[in-house]
Amino acid sequence: MALEYVTLGWNVVGVAVLAFAALRAGSVALAGFGLDSLIEIGASVVVVWQLTGTNKDRERTAMRLIGAAFMALAVYIAVQAVYVLARGDRPSVSGIGIVWIAITCAAMLGLAFGKARIGAALKNPVLMTEGRVTLVDAYLAGAVLLGLLLNAASGWWWADPLAGLVIVVYGVKEGWEALHHS
C-alpha cells in the first residue's frame, strides 16, 4: 500500500505542476500527461480500495475501473493530438515541463516495477494491472519528454502532439485486457 500512497502523492503534485506548465506552453503533450496523472490517481485509489477487501466482486469492479481509465486516457490523447496537429498549434518550450517529466519518468518506472513485484508476490491481479498503469505512465512520460525535447531543440512543434499518440495503442490494449479480466 505504501507504493500506492507514493504514487498518489506524486501525481497530486504532478497535476498542479503539469496544469501550470501546459497552460503556459500550450502543450497538448503536457495537458495529456496531466490527465494521465489524474487517471493514475484514480487507479491508485481503486487499488487501495480493492486491497482493503478480498472478495471477487471488488476485484472485478476494480479491474473494470482501471480498464475504463486506460480507455479514457487513450481516447483523450488521440483526439487532442489530432486536433492540435490539424490546427497546427505550436507549443512553446516548457523548461519546468521538461524537468518534471524527466523526473516523473524515472519515478514511475521504479514504482511500476515495485508494484509488479509485490502484486505477483501477493497474486493480486489488480495490483499487477495497476502496476502496468504506472508503467504506461512512465512510457508516456518518456514519449512526452522526447516530444518536448524535440520541440525545444529543433523547433519541431509537431513532436509535442505526436508524443501523446505513442501510448494510445498500448493504452487501448491494456484497457481491453483489464475490462475483460475474469
N, C-alpha and C. Protein backbone atom coordinates (compact mmCIF):
# COMPACT_ATOMS: atom_id res chain seq x y z
N MET A 1 0.83 -1.20 0.00
CA MET A 1 0.00 0.00 0.00
C MET A 1 0.87 1.26 0.00
N ALA A 2 2.07 1.15 0.52
CA ALA A 2 2.95 2.33 0.55
C ALA A 2 3.24 2.82 -0.85
N LEU A 3 3.44 1.90 -1.81
CA LEU A 3 3.70 2.32 -3.19
C LEU A 3 2.51 3.08 -3.77
N GLU A 4 1.31 2.68 -3.40
CA GLU A 4 0.12 3.39 -3.89
C GLU A 4 0.06 4.81 -3.31
N TYR A 5 0.41 4.95 -2.06
CA TYR A 5 0.39 6.28 -1.45
C TYR A 5 1.47 7.19 -2.04
N VAL A 6 2.63 6.61 -2.35
CA VAL A 6 3.69 7.40 -3.01
C VAL A 6 3.20 7.84 -4.40
N THR A 7 2.58 6.91 -5.14
CA THR A 7 2.05 7.23 -6.47
C THR A 7 1.01 8.33 -6.36
N LEU A 8 0.12 8.20 -5.40
CA LEU A 8 -0.91 9.22 -5.21
C LEU A 8 -0.30 10.58 -4.94
N GLY A 9 0.62 10.65 -4.00
CA GLY A 9 1.25 11.93 -3.66
C GLY A 9 1.97 12.54 -4.84
N TRP A 10 2.75 11.71 -5.54
CA TRP A 10 3.49 12.21 -6.71
C TRP A 10 2.55 12.80 -7.75
N ASN A 11 1.47 12.07 -8.03
CA ASN A 11 0.55 12.52 -9.07
C ASN A 11 -0.29 13.73 -8.67
N VAL A 12 -0.60 13.85 -7.40
CA VAL A 12 -1.33 15.05 -6.96
C VAL A 12 -0.47 16.29 -7.19
N VAL A 13 0.79 16.22 -6.81
CA VAL A 13 1.70 17.34 -7.06
C VAL A 13 1.86 17.54 -8.57
N GLY A 14 2.00 16.42 -9.29
CA GLY A 14 2.19 16.49 -10.74
C GLY A 14 1.05 17.16 -11.48
N VAL A 15 -0.18 16.92 -11.06
CA VAL A 15 -1.32 17.56 -11.72
C VAL A 15 -1.19 19.08 -11.66
N ALA A 16 -0.81 19.60 -10.52
CA ALA A 16 -0.65 21.05 -10.37
C ALA A 16 0.49 21.57 -11.24
N VAL A 17 1.64 20.91 -11.19
CA VAL A 17 2.80 21.32 -11.98
C VAL A 17 2.46 21.26 -13.47
N LEU A 18 1.84 20.17 -13.89
CA LEU A 18 1.53 19.98 -15.30
C LEU A 18 0.46 20.95 -15.81
N ALA A 19 -0.52 21.24 -14.99
CA ALA A 19 -1.54 22.21 -15.40
C ALA A 19 -0.89 23.56 -15.66
N PHE A 20 -0.03 23.99 -14.75
CA PHE A 20 0.68 25.26 -14.92
C PHE A 20 1.53 25.24 -16.19
N ALA A 21 2.33 24.19 -16.35
CA ALA A 21 3.24 24.10 -17.50
C ALA A 21 2.48 24.00 -18.81
N ALA A 22 1.41 23.19 -18.85
CA ALA A 22 0.64 23.00 -20.08
C ALA A 22 -0.04 24.29 -20.51
N LEU A 23 -0.63 24.98 -19.57
CA LEU A 23 -1.31 26.24 -19.90
C LEU A 23 -0.32 27.29 -20.38
N ARG A 24 0.80 27.35 -19.72
CA ARG A 24 1.82 28.34 -20.07
C ARG A 24 2.42 28.07 -21.45
N ALA A 25 2.66 26.79 -21.78
CA ALA A 25 3.31 26.45 -23.04
C ALA A 25 2.32 26.16 -24.17
N GLY A 26 1.05 25.91 -23.83
CA GLY A 26 0.09 25.49 -24.85
C GLY A 26 0.42 24.11 -25.39
N SER A 27 0.84 23.21 -24.50
CA SER A 27 1.33 21.88 -24.89
C SER A 27 0.27 20.80 -24.70
N VAL A 28 -0.11 20.15 -25.80
CA VAL A 28 -1.06 19.04 -25.70
C VAL A 28 -0.41 17.86 -24.98
N ALA A 29 0.88 17.67 -25.18
CA ALA A 29 1.56 16.56 -24.51
C ALA A 29 1.55 16.74 -22.99
N LEU A 30 1.83 17.95 -22.53
CA LEU A 30 1.79 18.20 -21.08
C LEU A 30 0.37 18.11 -20.55
N ALA A 31 -0.61 18.63 -21.29
CA ALA A 31 -2.01 18.54 -20.86
C ALA A 31 -2.45 17.08 -20.80
N GLY A 32 -2.07 16.30 -21.82
CA GLY A 32 -2.41 14.88 -21.83
C GLY A 32 -1.77 14.13 -20.69
N PHE A 33 -0.53 14.49 -20.39
CA PHE A 33 0.15 13.83 -19.27
C PHE A 33 -0.50 14.23 -17.95
N GLY A 34 -0.99 15.45 -17.86
CA GLY A 34 -1.73 15.87 -16.66
C GLY A 34 -2.98 15.03 -16.47
N LEU A 35 -3.70 14.77 -17.57
CA LEU A 35 -4.88 13.91 -17.50
C LEU A 35 -4.47 12.50 -17.10
N ASP A 36 -3.37 12.02 -17.67
CA ASP A 36 -2.87 10.72 -17.28
C ASP A 36 -2.60 10.67 -15.77
N SER A 37 -2.06 11.74 -15.23
CA SER A 37 -1.80 11.80 -13.78
C SER A 37 -3.11 11.71 -12.99
N LEU A 38 -4.16 12.35 -13.50
CA LEU A 38 -5.46 12.24 -12.84
C LEU A 38 -5.97 10.80 -12.88
N ILE A 39 -5.79 10.13 -14.02
CA ILE A 39 -6.21 8.74 -14.14
C ILE A 39 -5.38 7.86 -13.22
N GLU A 40 -4.10 8.14 -13.14
CA GLU A 40 -3.24 7.38 -12.23
C GLU A 40 -3.68 7.56 -10.78
N ILE A 41 -4.11 8.76 -10.41
CA ILE A 41 -4.65 8.98 -9.07
C ILE A 41 -5.88 8.10 -8.86
N GLY A 42 -6.77 8.09 -9.83
CA GLY A 42 -7.96 7.25 -9.74
C GLY A 42 -7.62 5.78 -9.63
N ALA A 43 -6.66 5.31 -10.44
CA ALA A 43 -6.28 3.91 -10.40
C ALA A 43 -5.67 3.55 -9.05
N SER A 44 -4.86 4.43 -8.49
CA SER A 44 -4.27 4.17 -7.18
C SER A 44 -5.34 4.10 -6.10
N VAL A 45 -6.33 4.98 -6.17
CA VAL A 45 -7.43 4.94 -5.20
C VAL A 45 -8.20 3.63 -5.33
N VAL A 46 -8.42 3.18 -6.57
CA VAL A 46 -9.12 1.92 -6.80
C VAL A 46 -8.33 0.76 -6.19
N VAL A 47 -7.02 0.75 -6.36
CA VAL A 47 -6.20 -0.34 -5.82
C VAL A 47 -6.22 -0.31 -4.30
N VAL A 48 -6.10 0.86 -3.70
CA VAL A 48 -6.17 0.95 -2.24
C VAL A 48 -7.52 0.43 -1.77
N TRP A 49 -8.59 0.81 -2.45
CA TRP A 49 -9.93 0.34 -2.10
C TRP A 49 -10.01 -1.18 -2.22
N GLN A 50 -9.47 -1.72 -3.32
CA GLN A 50 -9.53 -3.17 -3.54
C GLN A 50 -8.70 -3.93 -2.52
N LEU A 51 -7.55 -3.40 -2.16
CA LEU A 51 -6.67 -4.09 -1.21
C LEU A 51 -7.24 -4.13 0.20
N THR A 52 -8.22 -3.28 0.48
CA THR A 52 -8.83 -3.30 1.81
C THR A 52 -9.89 -4.38 1.94
N GLY A 53 -10.22 -5.04 0.85
CA GLY A 53 -11.19 -6.14 0.86
C GLY A 53 -10.71 -7.21 -0.09
N THR A 54 -11.23 -8.43 0.05
CA THR A 54 -10.70 -9.51 -0.77
C THR A 54 -11.76 -10.22 -1.59
N ASN A 55 -12.99 -9.75 -1.60
CA ASN A 55 -13.98 -10.50 -2.35
C ASN A 55 -13.83 -10.28 -3.86
N LYS A 56 -14.29 -11.24 -4.63
CA LYS A 56 -14.16 -11.21 -6.10
C LYS A 56 -14.92 -10.05 -6.72
N ASP A 57 -16.03 -9.64 -6.13
CA ASP A 57 -16.78 -8.51 -6.69
C ASP A 57 -15.93 -7.25 -6.68
N ARG A 58 -15.19 -7.05 -5.60
CA ARG A 58 -14.30 -5.88 -5.55
C ARG A 58 -13.22 -5.97 -6.62
N GLU A 59 -12.66 -7.15 -6.79
CA GLU A 59 -11.60 -7.32 -7.79
C GLU A 59 -12.13 -7.04 -9.19
N ARG A 60 -13.28 -7.58 -9.52
CA ARG A 60 -13.88 -7.40 -10.84
C ARG A 60 -14.18 -5.92 -11.09
N THR A 61 -14.76 -5.26 -10.10
CA THR A 61 -15.08 -3.84 -10.23
C THR A 61 -13.81 -3.01 -10.36
N ALA A 62 -12.80 -3.33 -9.58
CA ALA A 62 -11.54 -2.60 -9.65
C ALA A 62 -10.91 -2.74 -11.03
N MET A 63 -10.91 -3.96 -11.59
CA MET A 63 -10.34 -4.17 -12.91
C MET A 63 -11.11 -3.39 -13.97
N ARG A 64 -12.40 -3.34 -13.86
CA ARG A 64 -13.21 -2.58 -14.83
C ARG A 64 -12.92 -1.08 -14.73
N LEU A 65 -12.78 -0.59 -13.53
CA LEU A 65 -12.48 0.84 -13.36
C LEU A 65 -11.11 1.19 -13.94
N ILE A 66 -10.13 0.34 -13.71
CA ILE A 66 -8.80 0.58 -14.27
C ILE A 66 -8.84 0.48 -15.80
N GLY A 67 -9.56 -0.50 -16.33
CA GLY A 67 -9.71 -0.62 -17.78
C GLY A 67 -10.36 0.60 -18.39
N ALA A 68 -11.39 1.10 -17.75
CA ALA A 68 -12.06 2.31 -18.24
C ALA A 68 -11.11 3.50 -18.22
N ALA A 69 -10.26 3.58 -17.20
CA ALA A 69 -9.29 4.67 -17.13
C ALA A 69 -8.30 4.61 -18.29
N PHE A 70 -7.83 3.40 -18.62
CA PHE A 70 -6.94 3.24 -19.77
C PHE A 70 -7.62 3.72 -21.05
N MET A 71 -8.85 3.30 -21.25
CA MET A 71 -9.57 3.68 -22.46
C MET A 71 -9.79 5.19 -22.53
N ALA A 72 -10.16 5.79 -21.42
CA ALA A 72 -10.37 7.24 -21.40
C ALA A 72 -9.08 7.97 -21.74
N LEU A 73 -7.98 7.52 -21.21
CA LEU A 73 -6.69 8.13 -21.50
C LEU A 73 -6.37 8.03 -22.99
N ALA A 74 -6.54 6.86 -23.58
CA ALA A 74 -6.23 6.66 -24.99
C ALA A 74 -7.11 7.54 -25.88
N VAL A 75 -8.39 7.61 -25.57
CA VAL A 75 -9.30 8.43 -26.37
C VAL A 75 -8.93 9.90 -26.26
N TYR A 76 -8.71 10.38 -25.05
CA TYR A 76 -8.37 11.79 -24.86
C TYR A 76 -7.10 12.16 -25.63
N ILE A 77 -6.06 11.37 -25.48
CA ILE A 77 -4.79 11.71 -26.12
C ILE A 77 -4.95 11.69 -27.64
N ALA A 78 -5.63 10.69 -28.17
CA ALA A 78 -5.81 10.60 -29.62
C ALA A 78 -6.57 11.81 -30.16
N VAL A 79 -7.68 12.15 -29.54
CA VAL A 79 -8.49 13.28 -30.01
C VAL A 79 -7.73 14.59 -29.90
N GLN A 80 -7.11 14.82 -28.77
CA GLN A 80 -6.39 16.08 -28.56
C GLN A 80 -5.21 16.22 -29.52
N ALA A 81 -4.46 15.16 -29.72
CA ALA A 81 -3.30 15.22 -30.61
C ALA A 81 -3.72 15.48 -32.05
N VAL A 82 -4.75 14.79 -32.52
CA VAL A 82 -5.23 15.01 -33.88
C VAL A 82 -5.73 16.44 -34.04
N TYR A 83 -6.45 16.94 -33.07
CA TYR A 83 -6.96 18.31 -33.11
C TYR A 83 -5.82 19.32 -33.22
N VAL A 84 -4.82 19.17 -32.38
CA VAL A 84 -3.69 20.11 -32.38
C VAL A 84 -2.89 20.01 -33.68
N LEU A 85 -2.68 18.79 -34.16
CA LEU A 85 -1.96 18.62 -35.43
C LEU A 85 -2.73 19.26 -36.58
N ALA A 86 -4.04 19.07 -36.62
CA ALA A 86 -4.87 19.63 -37.68
C ALA A 86 -4.87 21.16 -37.65
N ARG A 87 -4.88 21.73 -36.47
CA ARG A 87 -4.88 23.19 -36.34
C ARG A 87 -3.49 23.79 -36.52
N GLY A 88 -2.46 22.97 -36.30
CA GLY A 88 -1.10 23.48 -36.42
C GLY A 88 -0.68 24.36 -35.25
N ASP A 89 -1.31 24.12 -34.08
CA ASP A 89 -0.94 24.89 -32.89
C ASP A 89 0.49 24.59 -32.50
N ARG A 90 1.28 25.62 -32.27
CA ARG A 90 2.70 25.48 -31.94
C ARG A 90 2.93 25.78 -30.46
N PRO A 91 3.24 24.73 -29.69
CA PRO A 91 3.51 24.98 -28.27
C PRO A 91 4.86 25.65 -28.08
N SER A 92 4.98 26.41 -27.01
CA SER A 92 6.28 26.99 -26.68
C SER A 92 7.06 26.00 -25.81
N VAL A 93 8.33 26.29 -25.60
CA VAL A 93 9.20 25.43 -24.81
C VAL A 93 8.83 25.58 -23.33
N SER A 94 8.82 24.45 -22.62
CA SER A 94 8.49 24.46 -21.19
C SER A 94 9.62 23.80 -20.40
N GLY A 95 10.50 24.62 -19.83
CA GLY A 95 11.60 24.10 -19.01
C GLY A 95 11.09 23.32 -17.82
N ILE A 96 10.10 23.87 -17.13
CA ILE A 96 9.56 23.17 -15.96
C ILE A 96 8.90 21.87 -16.37
N GLY A 97 8.24 21.87 -17.53
CA GLY A 97 7.63 20.64 -18.02
C GLY A 97 8.67 19.58 -18.33
N ILE A 98 9.77 19.97 -18.96
CA ILE A 98 10.83 19.03 -19.30
C ILE A 98 11.42 18.41 -18.03
N VAL A 99 11.73 19.24 -17.05
CA VAL A 99 12.33 18.74 -15.81
C VAL A 99 11.36 17.82 -15.07
N TRP A 100 10.12 18.25 -14.93
CA TRP A 100 9.13 17.45 -14.19
C TRP A 100 8.92 16.10 -14.88
N ILE A 101 8.78 16.11 -16.20
CA ILE A 101 8.52 14.87 -16.93
C ILE A 101 9.72 13.92 -16.83
N ALA A 102 10.94 14.44 -16.90
CA ALA A 102 12.13 13.59 -16.80
C ALA A 102 12.18 12.89 -15.44
N ILE A 103 11.94 13.64 -14.38
CA ILE A 103 11.95 13.06 -13.03
C ILE A 103 10.80 12.07 -12.87
N THR A 104 9.64 12.43 -13.41
CA THR A 104 8.47 11.56 -13.32
C THR A 104 8.70 10.24 -14.04
N CYS A 105 9.34 10.27 -15.18
CA CYS A 105 9.62 9.04 -15.92
C CYS A 105 10.41 8.07 -15.04
N ALA A 106 11.46 8.54 -14.42
CA ALA A 106 12.27 7.69 -13.56
C ALA A 106 11.48 7.20 -12.35
N ALA A 107 10.73 8.09 -11.72
CA ALA A 107 9.95 7.71 -10.53
C ALA A 107 8.89 6.67 -10.87
N MET A 108 8.19 6.85 -11.97
CA MET A 108 7.13 5.92 -12.35
C MET A 108 7.69 4.55 -12.74
N LEU A 109 8.86 4.51 -13.36
CA LEU A 109 9.48 3.21 -13.67
C LEU A 109 9.76 2.44 -12.38
N GLY A 110 10.31 3.12 -11.39
CA GLY A 110 10.58 2.47 -10.11
C GLY A 110 9.32 1.99 -9.43
N LEU A 111 8.30 2.82 -9.42
CA LEU A 111 7.03 2.43 -8.80
C LEU A 111 6.36 1.28 -9.54
N ALA A 112 6.41 1.32 -10.87
CA ALA A 112 5.78 0.26 -11.67
C ALA A 112 6.42 -1.10 -11.38
N PHE A 113 7.74 -1.14 -11.34
CA PHE A 113 8.40 -2.41 -11.08
C PHE A 113 8.14 -2.88 -9.65
N GLY A 114 8.08 -1.98 -8.71
CA GLY A 114 7.76 -2.35 -7.33
C GLY A 114 6.35 -2.92 -7.21
N LYS A 115 5.38 -2.30 -7.90
CA LYS A 115 4.00 -2.79 -7.85
C LYS A 115 3.88 -4.15 -8.53
N ALA A 116 4.58 -4.33 -9.65
CA ALA A 116 4.53 -5.62 -10.35
C ALA A 116 5.10 -6.73 -9.46
N ARG A 117 6.21 -6.45 -8.80
CA ARG A 117 6.85 -7.44 -7.93
C ARG A 117 5.95 -7.80 -6.75
N ILE A 118 5.42 -6.79 -6.09
CA ILE A 118 4.57 -7.04 -4.92
C ILE A 118 3.24 -7.67 -5.34
N GLY A 119 2.67 -7.20 -6.47
CA GLY A 119 1.43 -7.79 -6.97
C GLY A 119 1.59 -9.26 -7.29
N ALA A 120 2.74 -9.63 -7.90
CA ALA A 120 3.00 -11.04 -8.21
C ALA A 120 3.17 -11.84 -6.93
N ALA A 121 3.87 -11.29 -5.96
CA ALA A 121 4.08 -12.00 -4.69
C ALA A 121 2.75 -12.22 -3.96
N LEU A 122 1.85 -11.24 -4.05
CA LEU A 122 0.55 -11.35 -3.39
C LEU A 122 -0.48 -12.07 -4.27
N LYS A 123 -0.11 -12.36 -5.52
CA LYS A 123 -1.04 -12.93 -6.51
C LYS A 123 -2.28 -12.07 -6.62
N ASN A 124 -2.06 -10.76 -6.72
CA ASN A 124 -3.15 -9.79 -6.79
C ASN A 124 -3.18 -9.18 -8.19
N PRO A 125 -4.15 -9.61 -9.05
CA PRO A 125 -4.19 -9.10 -10.41
C PRO A 125 -4.49 -7.59 -10.49
N VAL A 126 -5.19 -7.07 -9.52
CA VAL A 126 -5.49 -5.63 -9.54
C VAL A 126 -4.21 -4.83 -9.34
N LEU A 127 -3.40 -5.22 -8.37
CA LEU A 127 -2.13 -4.52 -8.14
C LEU A 127 -1.19 -4.69 -9.32
N MET A 128 -1.15 -5.87 -9.91
CA MET A 128 -0.30 -6.07 -11.09
C MET A 128 -0.78 -5.21 -12.26
N THR A 129 -2.09 -5.12 -12.46
CA THR A 129 -2.63 -4.29 -13.53
C THR A 129 -2.35 -2.82 -13.25
N GLU A 130 -2.51 -2.40 -12.03
CA GLU A 130 -2.23 -1.00 -11.69
C GLU A 130 -0.75 -0.71 -11.85
N GLY A 131 0.08 -1.72 -11.64
CA GLY A 131 1.50 -1.57 -11.92
C GLY A 131 1.74 -1.29 -13.40
N ARG A 132 0.93 -1.94 -14.26
CA ARG A 132 1.03 -1.66 -15.70
C ARG A 132 0.52 -0.26 -16.02
N VAL A 133 -0.49 0.22 -15.28
CA VAL A 133 -0.94 1.60 -15.46
C VAL A 133 0.23 2.54 -15.16
N THR A 134 0.95 2.26 -14.10
CA THR A 134 2.09 3.09 -13.72
C THR A 134 3.21 2.97 -14.77
N LEU A 135 3.39 1.78 -15.32
CA LEU A 135 4.38 1.60 -16.39
C LEU A 135 3.98 2.40 -17.63
N VAL A 136 2.70 2.39 -17.97
CA VAL A 136 2.21 3.22 -19.07
C VAL A 136 2.51 4.68 -18.79
N ASP A 137 2.32 5.08 -17.54
CA ASP A 137 2.62 6.45 -17.13
C ASP A 137 4.10 6.76 -17.39
N ALA A 138 4.98 5.83 -17.09
CA ALA A 138 6.42 6.03 -17.34
C ALA A 138 6.70 6.10 -18.84
N TYR A 139 6.09 5.20 -19.63
CA TYR A 139 6.29 5.23 -21.08
C TYR A 139 5.78 6.54 -21.66
N LEU A 140 4.62 6.94 -21.21
CA LEU A 140 4.06 8.20 -21.69
C LEU A 140 4.97 9.36 -21.32
N ALA A 141 5.52 9.33 -20.11
CA ALA A 141 6.46 10.38 -19.71
C ALA A 141 7.67 10.41 -20.64
N GLY A 142 8.18 9.24 -20.99
CA GLY A 142 9.31 9.18 -21.92
C GLY A 142 8.96 9.74 -23.28
N ALA A 143 7.79 9.39 -23.80
CA ALA A 143 7.35 9.90 -25.09
C ALA A 143 7.13 11.40 -25.05
N VAL A 144 6.50 11.87 -23.99
CA VAL A 144 6.26 13.31 -23.82
C VAL A 144 7.59 14.04 -23.71
N LEU A 145 8.52 13.49 -22.95
CA LEU A 145 9.84 14.10 -22.80
C LEU A 145 10.53 14.22 -24.16
N LEU A 146 10.48 13.17 -24.94
CA LEU A 146 11.08 13.21 -26.27
C LEU A 146 10.43 14.31 -27.12
N GLY A 147 9.12 14.38 -27.10
CA GLY A 147 8.41 15.42 -27.86
C GLY A 147 8.78 16.82 -27.39
N LEU A 148 8.84 17.00 -26.09
CA LEU A 148 9.20 18.32 -25.54
C LEU A 148 10.64 18.69 -25.92
N LEU A 149 11.54 17.71 -25.85
CA LEU A 149 12.94 17.98 -26.19
C LEU A 149 13.11 18.27 -27.68
N LEU A 150 12.41 17.53 -28.54
CA LEU A 150 12.49 17.80 -29.97
C LEU A 150 11.94 19.18 -30.31
N ASN A 151 10.86 19.56 -29.65
CA ASN A 151 10.30 20.90 -29.85
C ASN A 151 11.29 21.96 -29.38
N ALA A 152 11.90 21.74 -28.22
CA ALA A 152 12.83 22.72 -27.65
C ALA A 152 14.12 22.82 -28.46
N ALA A 153 14.68 21.68 -28.85
CA ALA A 153 15.99 21.68 -29.50
C ALA A 153 15.93 21.96 -31.01
N SER A 154 14.86 21.49 -31.66
CA SER A 154 14.80 21.58 -33.12
C SER A 154 13.65 22.41 -33.65
N GLY A 155 12.76 22.84 -32.75
CA GLY A 155 11.59 23.59 -33.20
C GLY A 155 10.56 22.72 -33.89
N TRP A 156 10.64 21.42 -33.68
CA TRP A 156 9.68 20.50 -34.29
C TRP A 156 8.40 20.51 -33.46
N TRP A 157 7.54 21.50 -33.67
CA TRP A 157 6.32 21.71 -32.89
C TRP A 157 5.41 20.49 -32.92
N TRP A 158 5.39 19.79 -34.05
CA TRP A 158 4.51 18.64 -34.22
C TRP A 158 4.93 17.45 -33.36
N ALA A 159 6.17 17.47 -32.86
CA ALA A 159 6.63 16.38 -32.00
C ALA A 159 5.86 16.35 -30.68
N ASP A 160 5.40 17.52 -30.24
CA ASP A 160 4.64 17.60 -28.98
C ASP A 160 3.34 16.78 -29.07
N PRO A 161 2.44 17.06 -30.03
CA PRO A 161 1.22 16.24 -30.08
C PRO A 161 1.48 14.80 -30.51
N LEU A 162 2.48 14.56 -31.36
CA LEU A 162 2.78 13.17 -31.73
C LEU A 162 3.25 12.37 -30.53
N ALA A 163 3.93 13.03 -29.61
CA ALA A 163 4.39 12.34 -28.40
C ALA A 163 3.22 11.75 -27.63
N GLY A 164 2.12 12.45 -27.64
CA GLY A 164 0.93 11.93 -26.95
C GLY A 164 0.34 10.69 -27.59
N LEU A 165 0.57 10.52 -28.90
CA LEU A 165 -0.01 9.38 -29.61
C LEU A 165 0.74 8.07 -29.36
N VAL A 166 1.96 8.15 -28.88
CA VAL A 166 2.78 6.97 -28.69
C VAL A 166 2.09 5.92 -27.82
N ILE A 167 1.38 6.36 -26.83
CA ILE A 167 0.83 5.44 -25.84
C ILE A 167 -0.59 4.96 -26.15
N VAL A 168 -1.22 5.52 -27.17
CA VAL A 168 -2.62 5.21 -27.44
C VAL A 168 -2.85 3.71 -27.66
N VAL A 169 -2.07 3.08 -28.53
CA VAL A 169 -2.27 1.66 -28.82
C VAL A 169 -2.06 0.82 -27.57
N TYR A 170 -1.01 1.12 -26.82
CA TYR A 170 -0.75 0.37 -25.59
C TYR A 170 -1.89 0.57 -24.58
N GLY A 171 -2.36 1.81 -24.47
CA GLY A 171 -3.45 2.09 -23.53
C GLY A 171 -4.72 1.33 -23.88
N VAL A 172 -5.03 1.25 -25.16
CA VAL A 172 -6.22 0.51 -25.60
C VAL A 172 -6.04 -0.98 -25.30
N LYS A 173 -4.86 -1.51 -25.58
CA LYS A 173 -4.59 -2.93 -25.31
C LYS A 173 -4.76 -3.25 -23.83
N GLU A 174 -4.14 -2.46 -22.98
CA GLU A 174 -4.23 -2.71 -21.53
C GLU A 174 -5.65 -2.49 -21.02
N GLY A 175 -6.31 -1.46 -21.54
CA GLY A 175 -7.69 -1.21 -21.13
C GLY A 175 -8.60 -2.37 -21.49
N TRP A 176 -8.43 -2.89 -22.71
CA TRP A 176 -9.24 -4.02 -23.16
C TRP A 176 -9.01 -5.22 -22.26
N GLU A 177 -7.75 -5.52 -21.96
CA GLU A 177 -7.43 -6.66 -21.11
C GLU A 177 -8.02 -6.50 -19.70
N ALA A 178 -7.92 -5.31 -19.15
CA ALA A 178 -8.46 -5.07 -17.79
C ALA A 178 -9.98 -5.17 -17.79
N LEU A 179 -10.62 -4.64 -18.83
CA LEU A 179 -12.08 -4.69 -18.90
C LEU A 179 -12.61 -6.11 -19.06
N HIS A 180 -11.81 -6.96 -19.66
CA HIS A 180 -12.25 -8.34 -19.91
C HIS A 180 -11.57 -9.36 -19.00
N HIS A 181 -11.01 -8.88 -17.90
CA HIS A 181 -10.42 -9.76 -16.91
C HIS A 181 -11.53 -10.56 -16.23
N SER A 182 -11.29 -11.86 -16.04
CA SER A 182 -12.36 -12.66 -15.40
C SER A 182 -12.02 -13.03 -13.99
